[in-house]
Amino acid sequence: MPRSRAVLRALVPIALLIPLAACAGSPPSGDGPAAAAPGFPYTVTNCGVSSTYQAPPRRAVTMNQHATEILLALGLQDRMAATAYLDDSVLPAYRPAYDKIKVLAEEYPSKEVLLGADPDFVYGGYASAFDKAQGRDREGLAKAGINSRLSVEYCSTGPVGLEQLKTEIAEVARTFGVPERGARLIEDEQRRIDAVTARVKDKPRPAVFVYDSGEGTAFTSGGGGIGNEIVSLAGGTNTFADLKDTFGDVSWEKVIERRPEVVLIYDYGGTTVEAKKQRLLNDPALAEVPAIKNKRFVVLPLSSAVLGVRVADAVESLGRQLHPDAA
């Protein structure tokens, strides 16, 4: 999985989220004194790094899709100098705004390209966004006068769930001086998720094996990331919840031993969902695994299975797939 192996809608439908957010208050025009922004200076500690903002960022660069979509969901496209690295496609509601933002690279930009965008804030969704070997580490950026943020999914000390999602959205919104937008987005995510959990609460919880990728071993979702919480909220049980990391490799013998009833395939990149299904169906060793034997597959785009604005989408979609009779 490229982004990890390298280092390892608000109270309205989502299509209306951006216009609604924009009504919450216009972003700075770029003129006038930055220090005049109300609510600043603001200090926040994120993943061990303390940053003080004298004013909201004006030239943000997002690296990784879920970071990009959080800013777009908050109506902050006018404060984005550039972006990089999509796992699939941005949500249709965000496409018009996204298309106006400079894309630095298909994956991660070099240090030179990143600095060439003249950012005052760099927001990474995965730890690999801040690869020191590539000169993008947070310490180095700070020395260059650039603030940064890493998704809390990659520095939480315990399992990642809805509290971490709320923290991520709230702190990002506060950093940009639009806390009310963050509050509305959080409220909507919680409302939609609560509706799903109410529908599936009395349903049997199938054992779900998450198949991201892998041949010799299976790259799966562990208990440390939001992916595990999504499975649980949707009415399933992650067969590898005991794996502490967000993602990790497990042996096929372990998959066979745990006899999952459902396979959840993450859809992204160059390997299609159908190709992943065939890899599993054509492996004789997996033939008696209930999920494989019964050909019970469900699918989520990878961009829905990380700590971002698609968590409610993921819970809704997976809930329907696991429990169609409860939809």
Foldseek 3Di string as FASTA:
>chain_A
DVVAVVVGCQPDGNLCQLVVLCVLDHADPPDDDQLPQPPDQDWDAALNDIDTDSHAQQAEEEAEQQRVVLCSSNNNLRSYLAYEEYQADHPPSSVVSNVVHHYQYNHAHAPVSVVVSVGQEYEYAEPSNQDVVRVRHQVSCVVVNHHYHYQNLHRDPAADELVSLLVRSQVNCVSRPRNVSSVSLSNVLVVLLVVQLVLQVPPAAFEEWEAADDDQWGKGAELRFHLQVLSVSLRYHYLHPVPNHRIDTDGVVSVQVSLTQEYEYAAGDDQGPVNVLCSQLVDPVNCPRNCNVVVHYHYDHPSLRHSHSNVSVSSVRSSCSVCVVSD
